C-alpha atoms as a PDB file:
ATOM      1  CA  UNK A   1     -14.647 189.206-253.000  1.00  0.00           C
ATOM      2  CA  UNK A   2     -16.905 187.975-250.317  1.00  0.00           C
ATOM      3  CA  UNK A   3     -19.544 187.159-252.869  1.00  0.00           C
ATOM      4  CA  UNK A   4     -17.134 185.144-254.951  1.00  0.00           C
ATOM      5  CA  UNK A   5     -16.002 183.075-251.972  1.00  0.00           C
ATOM      6  CA  UNK A   6     -19.605 182.505-250.961  1.00  0.00           C
ATOM      7  CA  UNK A   7     -20.567 181.521-254.479  1.00  0.00           C
ATOM      8  CA  UNK A   8     -17.638 179.102-254.677  1.00  0.00           C
ATOM      9  CA  UNK A   9     -18.694 177.457-251.387  1.00  0.00           C
ATOM     10  CA  UNK A  10     -22.265 177.040-252.628  1.00  0.00           C
ATOM     11  CA  UNK A  11     -21.071 175.550-255.929  1.00  0.00           C
ATOM     12  CA  UNK A  12     -18.748 173.154-254.081  1.00  0.00           C
ATOM     13  CA  UNK A  13     -21.578 172.125-251.738  1.00  0.00           C
ATOM     14  CA  UNK A  14     -24.046 171.565-254.587  1.00  0.00           C
ATOM     15  CA  UNK A  15     -21.424 169.612-256.557  1.00  0.00           C
ATOM     16  CA  UNK A  16     -20.752 167.380-253.515  1.00  0.00           C
ATOM     17  CA  UNK A  17     -24.438 166.725-252.896  1.00  0.00           C
ATOM     18  CA  UNK A  18     -25.048 165.987-256.580  1.00  0.00           C
ATOM     19  CA  UNK A  19     -22.075 163.604-256.644  1.00  0.00           C
ATOM     20  CA  UNK A  20     -23.345 161.714-253.620  1.00  0.00           C
ATOM     21  CA  UNK A  21     -26.848 161.530-255.079  1.00  0.00           C
ATOM     22  CA  UNK A  22     -25.451 160.222-258.355  1.00  0.00           C
ATOM     23  CA  UNK A  23     -23.430 157.511-256.582  1.00  0.00           C
ATOM     24  CA  UNK A  24     -26.449 156.427-254.544  1.00  0.00           C
ATOM     25  CA  UNK A  25     -28.706 156.211-257.582  1.00  0.00           C
ATOM     26  CA  UNK A  26     -26.102 154.279-259.591  1.00  0.00           C
ATOM     27  CA  UNK A  27     -25.543 151.698-256.854  1.00  0.00           C
ATOM     28  CA  UNK A  28     -29.228 150.666-256.880  1.00  0.00           C
ATOM     29  CA  UNK A  29     -31.489 149.746-254.001  1.00  0.00           C
ATOM     30  CA  UNK A  30     -30.066 148.110-250.890  1.00  0.00           C
ATOM     31  CA  UNK A  31     -31.259 144.500-250.537  1.00  0.00           C
ATOM     32  CA  UNK A  32     -30.811 142.606-247.292  1.00  0.00           C
ATOM     33  CA  UNK A  33     -31.217 138.826-247.472  1.00  0.00           C
ATOM     34  CA  UNK A  34     -31.987 136.910-244.285  1.00  0.00           C
ATOM     35  CA  UNK A  35     -32.201 133.135-244.430  1.00  0.00           C
ATOM     36  CA  UNK A  36     -35.363 131.745-242.854  1.00  0.00           C
ATOM     37  CA  UNK A  37     -35.085 130.586-239.260  1.00  0.00           C
ATOM     38  CA  UNK A  38     -34.719 126.821-239.008  1.00  0.00           C
ATOM     39  CA  UNK A  39     -37.799 124.926-237.911  1.00  0.00           C
ATOM     40  CA  UNK A  40     -37.122 122.934-234.774  1.00  0.00           C
ATOM     41  CA  UNK A  41     -39.445 120.084-233.887  1.00  0.00           C
ATOM     42  CA  UNK A  42     -39.166 118.480-230.486  1.00  0.00           C
ATOM     43  CA  UNK A  43     -40.859 115.218-229.697  1.00  0.00           C
ATOM     44  CA  UNK A  44     -41.603 114.801-226.025  1.00  0.00           C
ATOM     45  CA  UNK A  45     -41.143 111.195-224.998  1.00  0.00           C
ATOM     46  CA  UNK A  46     -44.246 109.451-223.754  1.00  0.00           C
ATOM     47  CA  UNK A  47     -43.853 108.570-220.087  1.00  0.00           C
ATOM     48  CA  UNK A  48     -43.393 104.853-219.628  1.00  0.00           C
ATOM     49  CA  UNK A  49     -45.338 103.311-216.792  1.00  0.00           C
ATOM     50  CA  UNK A  50     -43.822 100.063-215.661  1.00  0.00           C
ATOM     51  CA  UNK A  51     -46.512  97.459-215.341  1.00  0.00           C
ATOM     52  CA  UNK A  52     -45.915  95.130-212.415  1.00  0.00           C
ATOM     53  CA  UNK A  53     -47.643  93.744-209.352  1.00  0.00           C
ATOM     54  CA  UNK A  54     -45.590  92.647-206.340  1.00  0.00           C
ATOM     55  CA  UNK A  55     -46.308  89.250-204.780  1.00  0.00           C
ATOM     56  CA  UNK A  56     -45.657  90.735-201.326  1.00  0.00           C
ATOM     57  CA  UNK A  57     -45.689  94.207-199.792  1.00  0.00           C
ATOM     58  CA  UNK A  58     -45.031  96.036-196.538  1.00  0.00           C
ATOM     59  CA  UNK A  59     -46.376  99.145-194.787  1.00  0.00           C
ATOM     60  CA  UNK A  60     -43.545 101.706-194.535  1.00  0.00           C
ATOM     61  CA  UNK A  61     -45.400 104.040-192.201  1.00  0.00           C
ATOM     62  CA  UNK A  62     -46.946 106.002-195.077  1.00  0.00           C
ATOM     63  CA  UNK A  63     -48.150 103.493-197.670  1.00  0.00           C
ATOM     64  CA  UNK A  64     -47.833  99.928-198.916  1.00  0.00           C
ATOM     65  CA  UNK A  65     -44.653  99.276-200.921  1.00  0.00           C
ATOM     66  CA  UNK A  66     -43.667  96.161-202.852  1.00  0.00           C
ATOM     67  CA  UNK A  67     -40.717  95.122-204.980  1.00  0.00           C
ATOM     68  CA  UNK A  68     -40.729  93.439-208.392  1.00  0.00           C
ATOM     69  CA  UNK A  69     -37.243  92.652-209.668  1.00  0.00           C
ATOM     70  CA  UNK A  70     -35.358  95.922-209.168  1.00  0.00           C
ATOM     71  CA  UNK A  71     -38.492  98.094-209.283  1.00  0.00           C
ATOM     72  CA  UNK A  72     -40.290  99.537-206.270  1.00  0.00           C
ATOM     73  CA  UNK A  73     -44.063 100.047-206.384  1.00  0.00           C
ATOM     74  CA  UNK A  74     -46.620 101.617-204.054  1.00  0.00           C
ATOM     75  CA  UNK A  75     -50.314 100.845-203.751  1.00  0.00           C
ATOM     76  CA  UNK A  76     -52.155 103.832-205.184  1.00  0.00           C
ATOM     77  CA  UNK A  77     -55.795 104.871-205.043  1.00  0.00           C
ATOM     78  CA  UNK A  78     -58.164 102.195-206.283  1.00  0.00           C
ATOM     79  CA  UNK A  79     -55.750  99.378-205.462  1.00  0.00           C
ATOM     80  CA  UNK A  80     -53.397  99.999-208.430  1.00  0.00           C
ATOM     81  CA  UNK A  81     -49.653  99.402-208.105  1.00  0.00           C
ATOM     82  CA  UNK A  82     -47.663 102.368-209.383  1.00  0.00           C
ATOM     83  CA  UNK A  83     -43.884 102.879-209.734  1.00  0.00           C
ATOM     84  CA  UNK A  84     -42.357 104.739-206.784  1.00  0.00           C
ATOM     85  CA  UNK A  85     -41.172 108.237-207.590  1.00  0.00           C
ATOM     86  CA  UNK A  86     -37.873 109.480-206.177  1.00  0.00           C
ATOM     87  CA  UNK A  87     -39.474 110.943-203.026  1.00  0.00           C
ATOM     88  CA  UNK A  88     -41.233 107.668-202.164  1.00  0.00           C
ATOM     89  CA  UNK A  89     -38.133 105.653-202.981  1.00  0.00           C
ATOM     90  CA  UNK A  90     -35.892 107.726-200.687  1.00  0.00           C
ATOM     91  CA  UNK A  91     -38.472 107.509-197.893  1.00  0.00           C
ATOM     92  CA  UNK A  92     -38.781 103.726-198.312  1.00  0.00           C
ATOM     93  CA  UNK A  93     -35.014 103.192-198.306  1.00  0.00           C
ATOM     94  CA  UNK A  94     -34.749 105.239-195.101  1.00  0.00           C
ATOM     95  CA  UNK A  95     -37.461 103.047-193.532  1.00  0.00           C
ATOM     96  CA  UNK A  96     -35.748  99.934-194.915  1.00  0.00           C
ATOM     97  CA  UNK A  97     -32.494 100.757-193.100  1.00  0.00           C
ATOM     98  CA  UNK A  98     -34.324 100.426-189.774  1.00  0.00           C
ATOM     99  CA  UNK A  99     -36.271  97.337-190.943  1.00  0.00           C
ATOM    100  CA  UNK A 100     -33.672  95.216-192.728  1.00  0.00           C
ATOM    101  CA  UNK A 101     -35.734  92.026-192.286  1.00  0.00           C
ATOM    102  CA  UNK A 102     -38.898  93.509-193.793  1.00  0.00           C
ATOM    103  CA  UNK A 103     -39.135  90.801-196.473  1.00  0.00           C
ATOM    104  CA  UNK A 104     -39.568  88.136-193.774  1.00  0.00           C
ATOM    105  CA  UNK A 105     -42.568  90.063-192.437  1.00  0.00           C
ATOM    106  CA  UNK A 106     -44.060  91.201-195.745  1.00  0.00           C
ATOM    107  CA  UNK A 107     -47.729  90.610-196.476  1.00  0.00           C
ATOM    108  CA  UNK A 108     -48.471  88.144-199.248  1.00  0.00           C
ATOM    109  CA  UNK A 109     -50.362  89.999-201.961  1.00  0.00           C
ATOM    110  CA  UNK A 110     -53.431  87.965-202.880  1.00  0.00           C
ATOM    111  CA  UNK A 111     -55.916  90.850-203.105  1.00  0.00           C
ATOM    112  CA  UNK A 112     -54.201  93.864-204.701  1.00  0.00           C
ATOM    113  CA  UNK A 113     -53.484  92.370-208.119  1.00  0.00           C
ATOM    114  CA  UNK A 114     -54.147  95.389-210.425  1.00  0.00           C
ATOM    115  CA  UNK A 115     -51.308  97.086-212.273  1.00  0.00           C
ATOM    116  CA  UNK A 116     -51.077 100.789-213.212  1.00  0.00           C
ATOM    117  CA  UNK A 117     -53.312 100.136-216.246  1.00  0.00           C
ATOM    118  CA  UNK A 118     -56.000  98.348-214.209  1.00  0.00           C
ATOM    119  CA  UNK A 119     -55.131  94.884-215.541  1.00  0.00           C
ATOM    120  CA  UNK A 120     -55.316  91.986-213.099  1.00  0.00           C
ATOM    121  CA  UNK A 121     -52.187  89.879-212.595  1.00  0.00           C
ATOM    122  CA  UNK A 122     -52.487  86.360-211.166  1.00  0.00           C
ATOM    123  CA  UNK A 123     -50.892  85.527-207.862  1.00  0.00           C
ATOM    124  CA  UNK A 124     -47.819  83.296-208.259  1.00  0.00           C
ATOM    125  CA  UNK A 125     -47.649  82.051-204.672  1.00  0.00           C
ATOM    126  CA  UNK A 126     -48.840  78.762-203.248  1.00  0.00           C
ATOM    127  CA  UNK A 127     -51.764  78.436-200.838  1.00  0.00           C
ATOM    128  CA  UNK A 128     -53.141  81.096-198.558  1.00  0.00           C
ATOM    129  CA  UNK A 129     -50.930  82.387-195.768  1.00  0.00           C
ATOM    130  CA  UNK A 130     -51.968  83.724-192.356  1.00  0.00           C
ATOM    131  CA  UNK A 131     -50.095  86.901-193.406  1.00  0.00           C
ATOM    132  CA  UNK A 132     -52.419  87.479-196.400  1.00  0.00           C
ATOM    133  CA  UNK A 133     -53.445  91.133-196.502  1.00  0.00           C
ATOM    134  CA  UNK A 134     -54.085  91.419-192.749  1.00  0.00           C
ATOM    135  CA  UNK A 135     -57.786  92.148-193.242  1.00  0.00           C
ATOM    136  CA  UNK A 136     -57.181  94.730-195.985  1.00  0.00           C
ATOM    137  CA  UNK A 137     -59.359  92.812-198.445  1.00  0.00           C
ATOM    138  CA  UNK A 138     -61.151  95.329-200.666  1.00  0.00           C
ATOM    139  CA  UNK A 139     -62.906  92.743-202.813  1.00  0.00           C
ATOM    140  CA  UNK A 140     -60.247  92.501-205.552  1.00  0.00           C
END
């Protein structure tokens, strides 16, 4: 009787395995479809350099700073006027609080007439003042 029970278990096991194999082969291969990842293009904006030359400037204890309209500019290396970054602007405004009348004492800019691109801008003032560049003439 033991043999019969064992034989029945083996037949049941083989029948189960065969049934599973038949189902797997009838269902076909498993195909997984993944859509392609979207292509993302990012255009980095070109930094805009404001081109301006102040007609007057002042020494703020660190560098020369001038104003054109609502823009603040500092005199960079080579005598070029460059837009003030946030650090320079904060420092200048702190200096400005203690020197509210700085515009009355500003130096007329007749010599530093180059913008950030190296282009010369004509001076719009009249005559030559005794405040002109205080001996800072670098041949521009």
